[in-house]
């Protein structure tokens, strides 16, 4: 039984968000050897990153190709953010799986694709207001 408990460290001690649930988990492991992992949580994608993707990146591709934003999103995920199904077919992954780092890599991949295959310049986030 693996469970993730969130909290913060104060004065060198882990303070769980839900102490009662955190303490109950030890009963399950009574008499067993176990390990505990402590790590910083991954940063979720910011609203500003999604806004840049849809209002700048996809909008410029839409203006160049005439494709809908939705179809551009699916196509880009099939190129750069997918999993392979048991039949070998690419399946687009959910954007909810992105972290701030993987989202920025996705933006870079899409900008590079637009430059190479559409001869389209897409400005960086700090080069445009959105």
C-alpha atoms as a PDB file:
ATOM      1  CA  UNK A   1       0.000   0.000   0.000  1.00  0.00           C
ATOM      2  CA  UNK A   2       1.751   3.145  -1.226  1.00  0.00           C
ATOM      3  CA  UNK A   3       0.359   6.487  -0.140  1.00  0.00           C
ATOM      4  CA  UNK A   4       1.710   9.971  -0.658  1.00  0.00           C
ATOM      5  CA  UNK A   5       1.429  12.291   2.310  1.00  0.00           C
ATOM      6  CA  UNK A   6       1.973  15.988   1.770  1.00  0.00           C
ATOM      7  CA  UNK A   7       3.261  18.415   4.347  1.00  0.00           C
ATOM      8  CA  UNK A   8       6.219  20.629   5.105  1.00  0.00           C
ATOM      9  CA  UNK A   9       9.439  20.430   7.055  1.00  0.00           C
ATOM     10  CA  UNK A  10       9.788  22.689  10.111  1.00  0.00           C
ATOM     11  CA  UNK A  11      12.821  22.646  12.396  1.00  0.00           C
ATOM     12  CA  UNK A  12      14.031  19.471  10.702  1.00  0.00           C
ATOM     13  CA  UNK A  13      10.772  17.551  11.243  1.00  0.00           C
ATOM     14  CA  UNK A  14       8.107  16.549   8.733  1.00  0.00           C
ATOM     15  CA  UNK A  15       4.722  18.051   9.622  1.00  0.00           C
ATOM     16  CA  UNK A  16       1.994  16.260   7.616  1.00  0.00           C
ATOM     17  CA  UNK A  17      -1.038  18.132   6.311  1.00  0.00           C
ATOM     18  CA  UNK A  18      -3.219  15.367   7.793  1.00  0.00           C
ATOM     19  CA  UNK A  19      -1.436  14.055  10.940  1.00  0.00           C
ATOM     20  CA  UNK A  20      -4.122  11.495  11.884  1.00  0.00           C
ATOM     21  CA  UNK A  21      -4.031   9.814   8.465  1.00  0.00           C
ATOM     22  CA  UNK A  22      -0.229  10.016   8.378  1.00  0.00           C
ATOM     23  CA  UNK A  23       0.092   8.219  11.714  1.00  0.00           C
ATOM     24  CA  UNK A  24      -2.498   5.550  10.818  1.00  0.00           C
ATOM     25  CA  UNK A  25      -0.429   4.375   7.865  1.00  0.00           C
ATOM     26  CA  UNK A  26       2.225   2.888  10.171  1.00  0.00           C
ATOM     27  CA  UNK A  27      -0.185   0.251  11.511  1.00  0.00           C
ATOM     28  CA  UNK A  28      -0.346  -1.321   8.069  1.00  0.00           C
ATOM     29  CA  UNK A  29       3.422  -1.923   8.161  1.00  0.00           C
ATOM     30  CA  UNK A  30       3.599  -3.259  11.725  1.00  0.00           C
ATOM     31  CA  UNK A  31       6.455  -5.781  12.006  1.00  0.00           C
ATOM     32  CA  UNK A  32       7.597  -5.219   8.402  1.00  0.00           C
ATOM     33  CA  UNK A  33      10.670  -3.516   7.036  1.00  0.00           C
ATOM     34  CA  UNK A  34       9.716  -0.518   4.923  1.00  0.00           C
ATOM     35  CA  UNK A  35      11.139   2.688   3.531  1.00  0.00           C
ATOM     36  CA  UNK A  36       9.931   6.249   3.359  1.00  0.00           C
ATOM     37  CA  UNK A  37      10.753   8.651   0.533  1.00  0.00           C
ATOM     38  CA  UNK A  38      10.871  12.422   0.986  1.00  0.00           C
ATOM     39  CA  UNK A  39      10.962  14.651  -2.102  1.00  0.00           C
ATOM     40  CA  UNK A  40       9.890  18.056  -3.236  1.00  0.00           C
ATOM     41  CA  UNK A  41       6.621  17.959  -5.194  1.00  0.00           C
ATOM     42  CA  UNK A  42       6.766  18.624  -8.926  1.00  0.00           C
ATOM     43  CA  UNK A  43       5.671  22.067  -9.957  1.00  0.00           C
ATOM     44  CA  UNK A  44       2.441  22.071 -11.906  1.00  0.00           C
ATOM     45  CA  UNK A  45       2.124  23.949 -15.176  1.00  0.00           C
ATOM     46  CA  UNK A  46       1.162  27.553 -14.634  1.00  0.00           C
ATOM     47  CA  UNK A  47      -1.893  29.213 -16.112  1.00  0.00           C
ATOM     48  CA  UNK A  48       0.487  31.617 -17.862  1.00  0.00           C
ATOM     49  CA  UNK A  49       2.248  28.732 -19.641  1.00  0.00           C
ATOM     50  CA  UNK A  50      -1.062  27.356 -20.947  1.00  0.00           C
ATOM     51  CA  UNK A  51      -2.176  30.841 -21.970  1.00  0.00           C
ATOM     52  CA  UNK A  52       1.056  31.347 -23.936  1.00  0.00           C
ATOM     53  CA  UNK A  53       0.607  27.966 -25.666  1.00  0.00           C
ATOM     54  CA  UNK A  54      -2.995  28.581 -26.727  1.00  0.00           C
ATOM     55  CA  UNK A  55      -3.012  32.367 -27.281  1.00  0.00           C
ATOM     56  CA  UNK A  56       0.386  32.708 -28.964  1.00  0.00           C
ATOM     57  CA  UNK A  57       1.845  29.418 -30.202  1.00  0.00           C
ATOM     58  CA  UNK A  58      -1.326  27.671 -31.368  1.00  0.00           C
ATOM     59  CA  UNK A  59      -2.923  30.919 -32.528  1.00  0.00           C
ATOM     60  CA  UNK A  60      -0.010  31.661 -34.889  1.00  0.00           C
ATOM     61  CA  UNK A  61      -0.098  28.109 -36.251  1.00  0.00           C
ATOM     62  CA  UNK A  62      -3.884  28.443 -36.677  1.00  0.00           C
ATOM     63  CA  UNK A  63      -3.459  31.690 -38.634  1.00  0.00           C
ATOM     64  CA  UNK A  64      -0.854  30.028 -40.859  1.00  0.00           C
ATOM     65  CA  UNK A  65      -2.672  26.725 -41.488  1.00  0.00           C
ATOM     66  CA  UNK A  66      -6.358  27.454 -40.928  1.00  0.00           C
ATOM     67  CA  UNK A  67      -6.607  24.378 -38.687  1.00  0.00           C
ATOM     68  CA  UNK A  68      -8.644  24.623 -35.513  1.00  0.00           C
ATOM     69  CA  UNK A  69      -6.816  25.139 -32.218  1.00  0.00           C
ATOM     70  CA  UNK A  70      -8.166  21.771 -31.008  1.00  0.00           C
ATOM     71  CA  UNK A  71      -6.773  19.873 -33.990  1.00  0.00           C
ATOM     72  CA  UNK A  72      -3.418  21.648 -33.668  1.00  0.00           C
ATOM     73  CA  UNK A  73      -3.271  20.665 -30.013  1.00  0.00           C
ATOM     74  CA  UNK A  74      -3.954  17.000 -30.809  1.00  0.00           C
ATOM     75  CA  UNK A  75      -1.442  16.971 -33.659  1.00  0.00           C
ATOM     76  CA  UNK A  76       1.299  18.544 -31.538  1.00  0.00           C
ATOM     77  CA  UNK A  77       0.635  16.100 -28.688  1.00  0.00           C
ATOM     78  CA  UNK A  78       0.851  13.215 -31.174  1.00  0.00           C
ATOM     79  CA  UNK A  79       4.235  14.547 -32.274  1.00  0.00           C
ATOM     80  CA  UNK A  80       5.745  15.522 -28.914  1.00  0.00           C
ATOM     81  CA  UNK A  81       3.619  14.389 -25.931  1.00  0.00           C
ATOM     82  CA  UNK A  82       2.293  10.868 -26.405  1.00  0.00           C
ATOM     83  CA  UNK A  83       2.411   7.335 -25.119  1.00  0.00           C
ATOM     84  CA  UNK A  84       2.460   4.259 -27.312  1.00  0.00           C
ATOM     85  CA  UNK A  85      -0.481   1.878 -26.987  1.00  0.00           C
ATOM     86  CA  UNK A  86      -0.210  -1.898 -27.039  1.00  0.00           C
ATOM     87  CA  UNK A  87      -0.828  -1.890 -30.794  1.00  0.00           C
ATOM     88  CA  UNK A  88       1.991   0.587 -31.350  1.00  0.00           C
ATOM     89  CA  UNK A  89      -0.335   3.507 -32.071  1.00  0.00           C
ATOM     90  CA  UNK A  90       0.497   6.897 -30.568  1.00  0.00           C
ATOM     91  CA  UNK A  91      -1.961   8.105 -27.956  1.00  0.00           C
ATOM     92  CA  UNK A  92      -1.885  11.790 -26.928  1.00  0.00           C
ATOM     93  CA  UNK A  93      -1.095  12.250 -23.252  1.00  0.00           C
ATOM     94  CA  UNK A  94      -2.954  14.611 -20.972  1.00  0.00           C
ATOM     95  CA  UNK A  95      -1.496  18.050 -20.373  1.00  0.00           C
ATOM     96  CA  UNK A  96      -2.241  17.457 -16.670  1.00  0.00           C
ATOM     97  CA  UNK A  97       0.839  15.219 -16.649  1.00  0.00           C
ATOM     98  CA  UNK A  98       3.105  18.157 -17.514  1.00  0.00           C
ATOM     99  CA  UNK A  99       5.340  19.921 -15.040  1.00  0.00           C
ATOM    100  CA  UNK A 100       6.654  23.427 -15.646  1.00  0.00           C
ATOM    101  CA  UNK A 101       9.835  21.904 -17.107  1.00  0.00           C
ATOM    102  CA  UNK A 102       8.144  19.412 -19.445  1.00  0.00           C
ATOM    103  CA  UNK A 103       5.678  22.081 -20.590  1.00  0.00           C
ATOM    104  CA  UNK A 104       8.527  24.404 -21.556  1.00  0.00           C
ATOM    105  CA  UNK A 105      10.191  21.577 -23.494  1.00  0.00           C
ATOM    106  CA  UNK A 106       6.875  20.974 -25.265  1.00  0.00           C
ATOM    107  CA  UNK A 107       6.712  24.693 -26.208  1.00  0.00           C
ATOM    108  CA  UNK A 108      10.271  24.528 -27.547  1.00  0.00           C
ATOM    109  CA  UNK A 109       9.503  21.410 -29.597  1.00  0.00           C
ATOM    110  CA  UNK A 110       6.400  23.028 -31.115  1.00  0.00           C
ATOM    111  CA  UNK A 111       8.250  26.291 -31.894  1.00  0.00           C
ATOM    112  CA  UNK A 112      11.068  24.327 -33.560  1.00  0.00           C
ATOM    113  CA  UNK A 113       8.540  22.294 -35.563  1.00  0.00           C
ATOM    114  CA  UNK A 114       6.764  25.485 -36.718  1.00  0.00           C
ATOM    115  CA  UNK A 115      10.079  26.994 -37.760  1.00  0.00           C
ATOM    116  CA  UNK A 116      11.269  23.917 -39.645  1.00  0.00           C
ATOM    117  CA  UNK A 117       8.072  22.694 -41.288  1.00  0.00           C
ATOM    118  CA  UNK A 118       5.973  25.865 -41.622  1.00  0.00           C
ATOM    119  CA  UNK A 119       8.756  28.472 -41.865  1.00  0.00           C
ATOM    120  CA  UNK A 120       6.914  30.225 -39.047  1.00  0.00           C
ATOM    121  CA  UNK A 121       8.549  32.266 -36.292  1.00  0.00           C
ATOM    122  CA  UNK A 122       6.878  31.969 -32.913  1.00  0.00           C
ATOM    123  CA  UNK A 123       8.133  34.487 -30.342  1.00  0.00           C
ATOM    124  CA  UNK A 124       9.353  33.403 -26.933  1.00  0.00           C
ATOM    125  CA  UNK A 125       7.119  34.206 -23.936  1.00  0.00           C
ATOM    126  CA  UNK A 126       9.278  37.192 -22.984  1.00  0.00           C
ATOM    127  CA  UNK A 127       9.030  38.614 -26.499  1.00  0.00           C
ATOM    128  CA  UNK A 128       5.253  38.985 -26.628  1.00  0.00           C
ATOM    129  CA  UNK A 129       2.330  40.170 -24.519  1.00  0.00           C
ATOM    130  CA  UNK A 130      -0.480  37.680 -24.146  1.00  0.00           C
END
